[in-house]
Amino acid sequence: HRARLVDLHGEVTDFMHKMLFTREATHAREYLKSRGFGKEMAEGWKIGWMPERSETFLQWARGKNFKRGEWVAAGFFLEQERGGIWVRFLDRLMFPIRNEMGDVIAFSGRQLREDPRSGKYINSPETTIFKKSNVLFALERARQSTLKEGGVIICEGQVDTIRCHESGIKNVVGTQGTALTPHHAKLLRRYAKSAVLCFDSDKAGLEAAEKAFPTLVAEGLPVKVARMPKGDDPDSFIREHGPDAFREILSKAVDFFDFKIERASSEGRLDDLQQRS
């Protein structure tokens, strides 16, 4: 069953990747272009596009040697009460999520046309081959570089991670829109001797960094925090200032407790003796 789900994901990856280069997906390619990515990146990461019309995908799926239950188990179809099916992803830019071996086991779909009824990103549901708490985006690519460099850089999400890799910074992995878990830390400990957290500079990113620290330290990974300029994330910073400037930010990453004290100080939480204690 697991092997068939992996095969199914592989075939869907190829289908959606081909769809990205059709006339109907012009807006998807334009979005990639607006983010500074071209055909080379799309091909290297097998980025895809799920058609806007569900019938396009359903018609293709009917010609494949997979049972309805397998499509449902993989998370592409949701069964409705009246016996119909609903396609989970429609008109989204699709990022394949791979396991350590490089097999596609899930997807993250990015909204292309604003729709308040749906989230900007939708991930595959958890299945027998995909558990969010067990998977880090691009780990299959980052393993060798992480071993060579001795440390790993942890970003938020797919785009920041891809930007780093495309800029020649290869020892980078991304979280899947979830907090770092003990299993993530164990995975990283196989390849890394230390970790640098490079999350967004907003409040959510800073809080995510604070939550990640005890998880990583419990596995014996020393933690530093790269301080991004306000309003920047790795993607926007590299696009504006280039990879070398980003490497400089990484080289100036501070120990976690220095980061925590700086943050508390900037928020006025060390203004009196009781707070400092």
C-alpha atoms as a PDB file:
ATOM      1  CA  HIS A   1       0.000   0.000   0.000  1.00  0.00           C
ATOM      2  CA  ARG A   2       2.780   2.433   0.909  1.00  0.00           C
ATOM      3  CA  ALA A   3       4.704   1.613  -2.273  1.00  0.00           C
ATOM      4  CA  ARG A   4       1.612   2.229  -4.410  1.00  0.00           C
ATOM      5  CA  LEU A   5       1.013   5.593  -2.719  1.00  0.00           C
ATOM      6  CA  VAL A   6       4.613   6.586  -3.487  1.00  0.00           C
ATOM      7  CA  ASP A   7       4.097   5.531  -7.128  1.00  0.00           C
ATOM      8  CA  LEU A   8       0.846   7.501  -7.263  1.00  0.00           C
ATOM      9  CA  HIS A   9       2.566  10.647  -5.951  1.00  0.00           C
ATOM     10  CA  GLY A  10       5.328  10.212  -8.523  1.00  0.00           C
ATOM     11  CA  GLU A  11       2.846  10.060 -11.400  1.00  0.00           C
ATOM     12  CA  VAL A  12       0.908  13.072 -10.105  1.00  0.00           C
ATOM     13  CA  THR A  13       4.189  14.998  -9.808  1.00  0.00           C
ATOM     14  CA  ASP A  14       4.952  14.358 -13.491  1.00  0.00           C
ATOM     15  CA  PHE A  15       1.399  15.260 -14.557  1.00  0.00           C
ATOM     16  CA  MET A  16       1.302  18.565 -12.667  1.00  0.00           C
ATOM     17  CA  HIS A  17       4.818  19.471 -13.794  1.00  0.00           C
ATOM     18  CA  LYS A  18       3.750  19.078 -17.434  1.00  0.00           C
ATOM     19  CA  MET A  19       0.617  21.128 -16.745  1.00  0.00           C
ATOM     20  CA  LEU A  20       2.763  24.016 -15.499  1.00  0.00           C
ATOM     21  CA  PHE A  21       4.020  24.560 -19.047  1.00  0.00           C
ATOM     22  CA  THR A  22       0.580  24.658 -20.693  1.00  0.00           C
ATOM     23  CA  ARG A  23      -1.195  27.776 -21.920  1.00  0.00           C
ATOM     24  CA  GLU A  24      -3.753  27.479 -19.091  1.00  0.00           C
ATOM     25  CA  ALA A  25      -0.956  27.816 -16.517  1.00  0.00           C
ATOM     26  CA  THR A  26       0.413  31.127 -17.823  1.00  0.00           C
ATOM     27  CA  HIS A  27      -0.600  32.876 -14.592  1.00  0.00           C
ATOM     28  CA  ALA A  28       1.243  30.229 -12.540  1.00  0.00           C
ATOM     29  CA  ARG A  29       4.451  30.797 -14.513  1.00  0.00           C
ATOM     30  CA  GLU A  30       3.955  34.554 -14.171  1.00  0.00           C
ATOM     31  CA  TYR A  31       3.723  34.147 -10.410  1.00  0.00           C
ATOM     32  CA  LEU A  32       7.009  32.212 -10.370  1.00  0.00           C
ATOM     33  CA  LYS A  33       8.579  34.913 -12.533  1.00  0.00           C
ATOM     34  CA  SER A  34       7.345  37.600 -10.114  1.00  0.00           C
ATOM     35  CA  ARG A  35       9.198  35.770  -7.335  1.00  0.00           C
ATOM     36  CA  GLY A  36      12.400  35.728  -9.370  1.00  0.00           C
ATOM     37  CA  PHE A  37      12.221  32.069 -10.412  1.00  0.00           C
ATOM     38  CA  GLY A  38      12.428  30.751 -13.963  1.00  0.00           C
ATOM     39  CA  LYS A  39      12.068  27.512 -15.883  1.00  0.00           C
ATOM     40  CA  GLU A  40      15.345  26.088 -14.558  1.00  0.00           C
ATOM     41  CA  MET A  41      14.151  26.227 -10.948  1.00  0.00           C
ATOM     42  CA  ALA A  42      10.735  24.812 -11.847  1.00  0.00           C
ATOM     43  CA  GLU A  43      12.356  21.871 -13.612  1.00  0.00           C
ATOM     44  CA  GLY A  44      14.974  21.276 -10.924  1.00  0.00           C
ATOM     45  CA  TRP A  45      12.374  21.098  -8.144  1.00  0.00           C
ATOM     46  CA  LYS A  46       9.589  19.566 -10.311  1.00  0.00           C
ATOM     47  CA  ILE A  47       7.211  22.402  -9.454  1.00  0.00           C
ATOM     48  CA  GLY A  48       3.737  21.801 -10.865  1.00  0.00           C
ATOM     49  CA  TRP A  49       0.322  23.318 -11.406  1.00  0.00           C
ATOM     50  CA  MET A  50      -2.962  21.669 -10.492  1.00  0.00           C
ATOM     51  CA  PRO A  51      -5.520  22.578 -13.177  1.00  0.00           C
ATOM     52  CA  GLU A  52      -8.317  24.975 -12.338  1.00  0.00           C
ATOM     53  CA  ARG A  53     -10.986  22.583 -13.651  1.00  0.00           C
ATOM     54  CA  SER A  54     -11.349  19.458 -11.542  1.00  0.00           C
ATOM     55  CA  GLU A  55     -12.479  17.473 -14.601  1.00  0.00           C
ATOM     56  CA  THR A  56      -9.037  17.905 -16.211  1.00  0.00           C
ATOM     57  CA  PHE A  57      -7.386  16.120 -13.301  1.00  0.00           C
ATOM     58  CA  LEU A  58     -10.176  13.564 -12.889  1.00  0.00           C
ATOM     59  CA  GLN A  59     -10.050  12.601 -16.555  1.00  0.00           C
ATOM     60  CA  TRP A  60      -6.295  12.042 -16.345  1.00  0.00           C
ATOM     61  CA  ALA A  61      -6.635  10.112 -13.044  1.00  0.00           C
ATOM     62  CA  ARG A  62      -9.255   7.751 -14.508  1.00  0.00           C
ATOM     63  CA  GLY A  63      -6.685   6.548 -17.021  1.00  0.00           C
ATOM     64  CA  LYS A  64      -4.246   5.511 -14.290  1.00  0.00           C
ATOM     65  CA  ASN A  65      -4.029   2.102 -12.646  1.00  0.00           C
ATOM     66  CA  PHE A  66      -5.013   3.262  -9.159  1.00  0.00           C
ATOM     67  CA  LYS A  67      -8.194   2.558  -7.228  1.00  0.00           C
ATOM     68  CA  ARG A  68     -10.517   5.263  -5.974  1.00  0.00           C
ATOM     69  CA  GLY A  69      -9.615   4.375  -2.387  1.00  0.00           C
ATOM     70  CA  GLU A  70      -5.930   4.964  -3.126  1.00  0.00           C
ATOM     71  CA  TRP A  71      -6.630   8.447  -4.476  1.00  0.00           C
ATOM     72  CA  VAL A  72      -8.587   9.171  -1.304  1.00  0.00           C
ATOM     73  CA  ALA A  73      -5.868   7.656   0.921  1.00  0.00           C
ATOM     74  CA  ALA A  74      -3.267   9.834  -0.814  1.00  0.00           C
ATOM     75  CA  GLY A  75      -5.339  12.934  -0.068  1.00  0.00           C
ATOM     76  CA  PHE A  76      -6.072  14.067  -3.629  1.00  0.00           C
ATOM     77  CA  PHE A  77      -9.784  13.247  -3.484  1.00  0.00           C
ATOM     78  CA  LEU A  78     -12.270  13.772  -0.679  1.00  0.00           C
ATOM     79  CA  GLU A  79     -15.365  11.602  -0.716  1.00  0.00           C
ATOM     80  CA  GLN A  80     -18.665  13.411  -0.375  1.00  0.00           C
ATOM     81  CA  GLU A  81     -21.764  12.142   1.420  1.00  0.00           C
ATOM     82  CA  ARG A  82     -23.742  11.662  -1.789  1.00  0.00           C
ATOM     83  CA  GLY A  83     -21.033   9.508  -3.311  1.00  0.00           C
ATOM     84  CA  GLY A  84     -19.232  12.127  -5.348  1.00  0.00           C
ATOM     85  CA  ILE A  85     -15.605  13.191  -4.966  1.00  0.00           C
ATOM     86  CA  TRP A  86     -13.984  16.570  -4.515  1.00  0.00           C
ATOM     87  CA  VAL A  87     -10.454  17.413  -5.678  1.00  0.00           C
ATOM     88  CA  ARG A  88      -8.407  18.910  -2.827  1.00  0.00           C
ATOM     89  CA  PHE A  89      -6.079  21.137  -4.870  1.00  0.00           C
ATOM     90  CA  LEU A  90      -7.353  23.330  -7.719  1.00  0.00           C
ATOM     91  CA  ASP A  91      -5.491  26.137  -9.518  1.00  0.00           C
ATOM     92  CA  ARG A  92      -2.509  26.032  -7.195  1.00  0.00           C
ATOM     93  CA  LEU A  93       1.229  26.102  -7.689  1.00  0.00           C
ATOM     94  CA  MET A  94       2.326  22.729  -6.367  1.00  0.00           C
ATOM     95  CA  PHE A  95       5.562  22.101  -4.453  1.00  0.00           C
ATOM     96  CA  PRO A  96       6.474  18.399  -4.117  1.00  0.00           C
ATOM     97  CA  ILE A  97       7.468  17.342  -0.603  1.00  0.00           C
ATOM     98  CA  ARG A  98       9.969  14.479  -0.521  1.00  0.00           C
ATOM     99  CA  ASN A  99      11.236  12.034   2.076  1.00  0.00           C
ATOM    100  CA  GLU A 100      14.918  11.515   2.869  1.00  0.00           C
ATOM    101  CA  MET A 101      15.244   9.135  -0.089  1.00  0.00           C
ATOM    102  CA  GLY A 102      13.864  11.711  -2.522  1.00  0.00           C
ATOM    103  CA  ASP A 103      10.438  10.113  -3.076  1.00  0.00           C
ATOM    104  CA  VAL A 104       7.525  12.534  -3.371  1.00  0.00           C
ATOM    105  CA  ILE A 105       5.161  11.799  -0.473  1.00  0.00           C
ATOM    106  CA  ALA A 106       3.017  14.962  -0.301  1.00  0.00           C
ATOM    107  CA  PHE A 107       2.464  18.423  -1.766  1.00  0.00           C
ATOM    108  CA  SER A 108       2.125  21.997  -0.660  1.00  0.00           C
ATOM    109  CA  GLY A 109      -0.183  24.036  -2.892  1.00  0.00           C
ATOM    110  CA  ARG A 110       0.190  27.819  -3.135  1.00  0.00           C
ATOM    111  CA  GLN A 111      -2.910  29.881  -3.933  1.00  0.00           C
ATOM    112  CA  LEU A 112      -2.568  31.819  -7.202  1.00  0.00           C
ATOM    113  CA  ARG A 113      -5.796  33.813  -7.116  1.00  0.00           C
ATOM    114  CA  GLU A 114      -6.827  35.347  -3.820  1.00  0.00           C
ATOM    115  CA  ASP A 115      -9.708  33.489  -2.208  1.00  0.00           C
ATOM    116  CA  PRO A 116     -10.610  34.363   1.408  1.00  0.00           C
ATOM    117  CA  ARG A 117     -12.465  31.045   1.733  1.00  0.00           C
ATOM    118  CA  SER A 118      -9.204  29.124   1.385  1.00  0.00           C
ATOM    119  CA  GLY A 119      -5.717  29.362   2.874  1.00  0.00           C
ATOM    120  CA  LYS A 120      -2.753  30.786   1.005  1.00  0.00           C
ATOM    121  CA  TYR A 121      -1.064  27.388   1.342  1.00  0.00           C
ATOM    122  CA  ILE A 122      -2.757  23.993   1.578  1.00  0.00           C
ATOM    123  CA  ASN A 123      -0.708  20.915   2.423  1.00  0.00           C
ATOM    124  CA  SER A 124      -1.533  17.297   1.760  1.00  0.00           C
ATOM    125  CA  PRO A 125      -3.253  15.656   4.730  1.00  0.00           C
ATOM    126  CA  GLU A 126      -1.288  13.208   6.833  1.00  0.00           C
ATOM    127  CA  THR A 127      -1.236   9.751   5.260  1.00  0.00           C
ATOM    128  CA  THR A 128       0.546   6.439   5.782  1.00  0.00           C
ATOM    129  CA  ILE A 129       3.580   7.884   3.960  1.00  0.00           C
ATOM    130  CA  PHE A 130       3.425  11.524   5.139  1.00  0.00           C
ATOM    131  CA  LYS A 131       3.594  12.795   8.713  1.00  0.00           C
ATOM    132  CA  LYS A 132       4.316  16.513   9.001  1.00  0.00           C
ATOM    133  CA  SER A 133       6.187  16.022  12.252  1.00  0.00           C
ATOM    134  CA  ASN A 134       8.596  13.602  10.503  1.00  0.00           C
ATOM    135  CA  VAL A 135       9.417  15.540   7.333  1.00  0.00           C
ATOM    136  CA  LEU A 136      11.623  18.548   6.629  1.00  0.00           C
ATOM    137  CA  PHE A 137      11.435  20.185   3.214  1.00  0.00           C
ATOM    138  CA  ALA A 138      14.582  19.662   1.051  1.00  0.00           C
ATOM    139  CA  LEU A 139      16.349  17.432   3.590  1.00  0.00           C
ATOM    140  CA  GLU A 140      17.081  14.968   0.780  1.00  0.00           C
ATOM    141  CA  ARG A 141      19.035  17.764  -0.973  1.00  0.00           C
ATOM    142  CA  ALA A 142      20.614  19.249   2.129  1.00  0.00           C
ATOM    143  CA  ARG A 143      22.040  16.066   3.685  1.00  0.00           C
ATOM    144  CA  GLN A 144      25.440  16.030   1.998  1.00  0.00           C
ATOM    145  CA  SER A 145      26.031  19.768   2.392  1.00  0.00           C
ATOM    146  CA  THR A 146      25.002  19.631   6.029  1.00  0.00           C
ATOM    147  CA  LEU A 147      27.484  16.820   6.687  1.00  0.00           C
ATOM    148  CA  LYS A 148      30.196  18.779   4.886  1.00  0.00           C
ATOM    149  CA  GLU A 149      29.434  22.120   6.588  1.00  0.00           C
ATOM    150  CA  GLY A 150      28.814  20.536   9.975  1.00  0.00           C
ATOM    151  CA  GLY A 151      25.693  22.624  10.565  1.00  0.00           C
ATOM    152  CA  VAL A 152      22.193  23.093   9.188  1.00  0.00           C
ATOM    153  CA  ILE A 153      20.186  26.243   8.472  1.00  0.00           C
ATOM    154  CA  ILE A 154      16.461  26.003   9.209  1.00  0.00           C
ATOM    155  CA  CYS A 155      14.013  28.254   7.339  1.00  0.00           C
ATOM    156  CA  GLU A 156      10.233  28.582   7.281  1.00  0.00           C
ATOM    157  CA  GLY A 157       8.515  27.159   4.249  1.00  0.00           C
ATOM    158  CA  GLN A 158       9.374  26.094   0.734  1.00  0.00           C
ATOM    159  CA  VAL A 159      10.141  29.384  -1.051  1.00  0.00           C
ATOM    160  CA  ASP A 160      12.796  30.541   1.444  1.00  0.00           C
ATOM    161  CA  THR A 161      14.430  27.119   1.335  1.00  0.00           C
ATOM    162  CA  ILE A 162      14.421  26.938  -2.462  1.00  0.00           C
ATOM    163  CA  ARG A 163      15.848  30.467  -2.719  1.00  0.00           C
ATOM    164  CA  CYS A 164      18.771  29.480  -0.500  1.00  0.00           C
ATOM    165  CA  HIS A 165      19.519  26.333  -2.519  1.00  0.00           C
ATOM    166  CA  GLU A 166      19.234  28.192  -5.831  1.00  0.00           C
ATOM    167  CA  SER A 167      21.679  30.775  -4.467  1.00  0.00           C
ATOM    168  CA  GLY A 168      24.296  28.139  -3.683  1.00  0.00           C
ATOM    169  CA  ILE A 169      23.534  27.796   0.041  1.00  0.00           C
ATOM    170  CA  LYS A 170      22.741  24.100   0.156  1.00  0.00           C
ATOM    171  CA  ASN A 171      22.686  23.092   3.848  1.00  0.00           C
ATOM    172  CA  VAL A 172      19.170  24.470   4.270  1.00  0.00           C
ATOM    173  CA  VAL A 173      15.900  22.763   5.203  1.00  0.00           C
ATOM    174  CA  GLY A 174      12.394  24.130   5.716  1.00  0.00           C
ATOM    175  CA  THR A 175       9.650  23.459   8.228  1.00  0.00           C
ATOM    176  CA  GLN A 176       6.238  22.455   6.846  1.00  0.00           C
ATOM    177  CA  GLY A 177       4.177  25.209   8.401  1.00  0.00           C
ATOM    178  CA  THR A 178       4.461  23.493  11.755  1.00  0.00           C
ATOM    179  CA  ALA A 179       6.680  23.779  14.801  1.00  0.00           C
ATOM    180  CA  LEU A 180       9.909  21.810  14.941  1.00  0.00           C
ATOM    181  CA  THR A 181       9.277  18.467  16.600  1.00  0.00           C
ATOM    182  CA  PRO A 182      11.550  16.069  18.511  1.00  0.00           C
ATOM    183  CA  HIS A 183      11.513  13.814  15.422  1.00  0.00           C
ATOM    184  CA  HIS A 184      12.738  16.714  13.263  1.00  0.00           C
ATOM    185  CA  ALA A 185      15.550  17.288  15.738  1.00  0.00           C
ATOM    186  CA  LYS A 186      16.527  13.603  15.667  1.00  0.00           C
ATOM    187  CA  LEU A 187      16.571  13.691  11.846  1.00  0.00           C
ATOM    188  CA  LEU A 188      18.835  16.734  11.816  1.00  0.00           C
ATOM    189  CA  ARG A 189      21.143  15.263  14.449  1.00  0.00           C
ATOM    190  CA  ARG A 190      22.096  12.517  11.974  1.00  0.00           C
ATOM    191  CA  TYR A 191      23.737  15.081   9.714  1.00  0.00           C
ATOM    192  CA  ALA A 192      24.351  18.271  11.708  1.00  0.00           C
ATOM    193  CA  LYS A 193      26.456  19.257  14.690  1.00  0.00           C
ATOM    194  CA  SER A 194      24.745  22.639  15.104  1.00  0.00           C
ATOM    195  CA  ALA A 195      21.742  24.598  13.828  1.00  0.00           C
ATOM    196  CA  VAL A 196      21.047  28.169  12.755  1.00  0.00           C
ATOM    197  CA  LEU A 197      17.427  29.304  12.881  1.00  0.00           C
ATOM    198  CA  CYS A 198      16.602  31.729  10.074  1.00  0.00           C
ATOM    199  CA  PHE A 199      12.932  32.504  10.470  1.00  0.00           C
ATOM    200  CA  ASP A 200      10.952  35.574   9.411  1.00  0.00           C
ATOM    201  CA  SER A 201      11.594  38.763  11.361  1.00  0.00           C
ATOM    202  CA  ASP A 202       7.932  39.149  12.333  1.00  0.00           C
ATOM    203  CA  LYS A 203       6.468  38.233  15.731  1.00  0.00           C
ATOM    204  CA  ALA A 204       5.415  34.747  14.583  1.00  0.00           C
ATOM    205  CA  GLY A 205       8.921  34.025  13.301  1.00  0.00           C
ATOM    206  CA  LEU A 206      10.573  35.187  16.505  1.00  0.00           C
ATOM    207  CA  GLU A 207       8.212  33.082  18.608  1.00  0.00           C
ATOM    208  CA  ALA A 208       8.847  30.058  16.368  1.00  0.00           C
ATOM    209  CA  ALA A 209      12.594  30.481  16.989  1.00  0.00           C
ATOM    210  CA  GLU A 210      12.042  30.504  20.758  1.00  0.00           C
ATOM    211  CA  LYS A 211       9.936  27.341  20.570  1.00  0.00           C
ATOM    212  CA  ALA A 212      12.473  25.545  18.374  1.00  0.00           C
ATOM    213  CA  PHE A 213      15.375  26.068  20.781  1.00  0.00           C
ATOM    214  CA  PRO A 214      14.503  23.530  23.532  1.00  0.00           C
ATOM    215  CA  THR A 215      13.561  20.910  20.916  1.00  0.00           C
ATOM    216  CA  LEU A 216      16.929  21.139  19.168  1.00  0.00           C
ATOM    217  CA  VAL A 217      19.019  21.437  22.326  1.00  0.00           C
ATOM    218  CA  ALA A 218      17.401  18.283  23.703  1.00  0.00           C
ATOM    219  CA  GLU A 219      19.114  16.426  20.844  1.00  0.00           C
ATOM    220  CA  GLY A 220      22.481  18.016  21.594  1.00  0.00           C
ATOM    221  CA  LEU A 221      22.386  20.597  18.784  1.00  0.00           C
ATOM    222  CA  PRO A 222      23.806  24.026  19.728  1.00  0.00           C
ATOM    223  CA  VAL A 223      21.466  26.719  18.382  1.00  0.00           C
ATOM    224  CA  LYS A 224      22.144  30.162  16.933  1.00  0.00           C
ATOM    225  CA  VAL A 225      19.673  32.648  15.494  1.00  0.00           C
ATOM    226  CA  ALA A 226      20.249  34.657  12.309  1.00  0.00           C
ATOM    227  CA  ARG A 227      18.802  38.129  12.779  1.00  0.00           C
ATOM    228  CA  MET A 228      16.911  39.134   9.639  1.00  0.00           C
ATOM    229  CA  PRO A 229      16.246  42.855   9.006  1.00  0.00           C
ATOM    230  CA  LYS A 230      12.714  43.905   9.900  1.00  0.00           C
ATOM    231  CA  GLY A 231      10.226  42.984   7.197  1.00  0.00           C
ATOM    232  CA  ASP A 232      12.590  40.563   5.473  1.00  0.00           C
ATOM    233  CA  ASP A 233      12.713  36.809   5.057  1.00  0.00           C
ATOM    234  CA  PRO A 234      15.542  34.858   3.369  1.00  0.00           C
ATOM    235  CA  ASP A 235      13.783  34.975  -0.020  1.00  0.00           C
ATOM    236  CA  SER A 236      13.194  38.733  -0.087  1.00  0.00           C
ATOM    237  CA  PHE A 237      16.618  39.501   1.408  1.00  0.00           C
ATOM    238  CA  ILE A 238      18.568  37.386  -1.097  1.00  0.00           C
ATOM    239  CA  ARG A 239      16.600  38.816  -4.016  1.00  0.00           C
ATOM    240  CA  GLU A 240      17.372  42.369  -2.929  1.00  0.00           C
ATOM    241  CA  HIS A 241      20.892  42.060  -1.527  1.00  0.00           C
ATOM    242  CA  GLY A 242      22.308  38.837  -2.996  1.00  0.00           C
ATOM    243  CA  PRO A 243      23.632  35.559  -1.549  1.00  0.00           C
ATOM    244  CA  ASP A 244      26.874  37.014  -0.162  1.00  0.00           C
ATOM    245  CA  ALA A 245      25.002  39.511   2.005  1.00  0.00           C
ATOM    246  CA  PHE A 246      22.825  36.672   3.273  1.00  0.00           C
ATOM    247  CA  ARG A 247      25.901  34.569   4.073  1.00  0.00           C
ATOM    248  CA  GLU A 248      27.163  37.508   6.130  1.00  0.00           C
ATOM    249  CA  ILE A 249      23.920  37.506   8.144  1.00  0.00           C
ATOM    250  CA  LEU A 250      24.364  33.778   8.746  1.00  0.00           C
ATOM    251  CA  SER A 251      27.978  34.292   9.838  1.00  0.00           C
ATOM    252  CA  LYS A 252      26.792  36.852  12.409  1.00  0.00           C
ATOM    253  CA  ALA A 253      24.133  34.571  13.900  1.00  0.00           C
ATOM    254  CA  VAL A 254      24.051  34.969  17.675  1.00  0.00           C
ATOM    255  CA  ASP A 255      23.761  32.372  20.419  1.00  0.00           C
ATOM    256  CA  PHE A 256      20.162  31.724  21.373  1.00  0.00           C
ATOM    257  CA  PHE A 257      20.350  33.348  24.799  1.00  0.00           C
ATOM    258  CA  ASP A 258      21.880  36.528  23.354  1.00  0.00           C
ATOM    259  CA  PHE A 259      18.994  36.594  20.883  1.00  0.00           C
ATOM    260  CA  LYS A 260      16.456  36.082  23.669  1.00  0.00           C
ATOM    261  CA  ILE A 261      17.944  38.872  25.799  1.00  0.00           C
ATOM    262  CA  GLU A 262      18.113  41.256  22.820  1.00  0.00           C
ATOM    263  CA  ARG A 263      14.479  40.550  21.998  1.00  0.00           C
ATOM    264  CA  ALA A 264      13.361  41.053  25.603  1.00  0.00           C
ATOM    265  CA  SER A 265      15.330  44.293  25.769  1.00  0.00           C
ATOM    266  CA  SER A 266      13.869  45.656  22.513  1.00  0.00           C
ATOM    267  CA  GLU A 267      10.361  44.901  23.797  1.00  0.00           C
ATOM    268  CA  GLY A 268      10.994  46.727  27.089  1.00  0.00           C
ATOM    269  CA  ARG A 269      10.900  43.560  29.173  1.00  0.00           C
ATOM    270  CA  LEU A 270      14.187  44.355  30.988  1.00  0.00           C
ATOM    271  CA  ASP A 271      13.304  47.856  32.111  1.00  0.00           C
ATOM    272  CA  ASP A 272      13.147  47.184  35.826  1.00  0.00           C
ATOM    273  CA  LEU A 273      14.934  44.957  38.296  1.00  0.00           C
ATOM    274  CA  GLN A 274      12.109  42.456  38.749  1.00  0.00           C
ATOM    275  CA  GLN A 275      11.835  41.848  34.979  1.00  0.00           C
ATOM    276  CA  ARG A 276      15.618  41.478  34.653  1.00  0.00           C
ATOM    277  CA  SER A 277      15.639  38.893  37.454  1.00  0.00           C
END
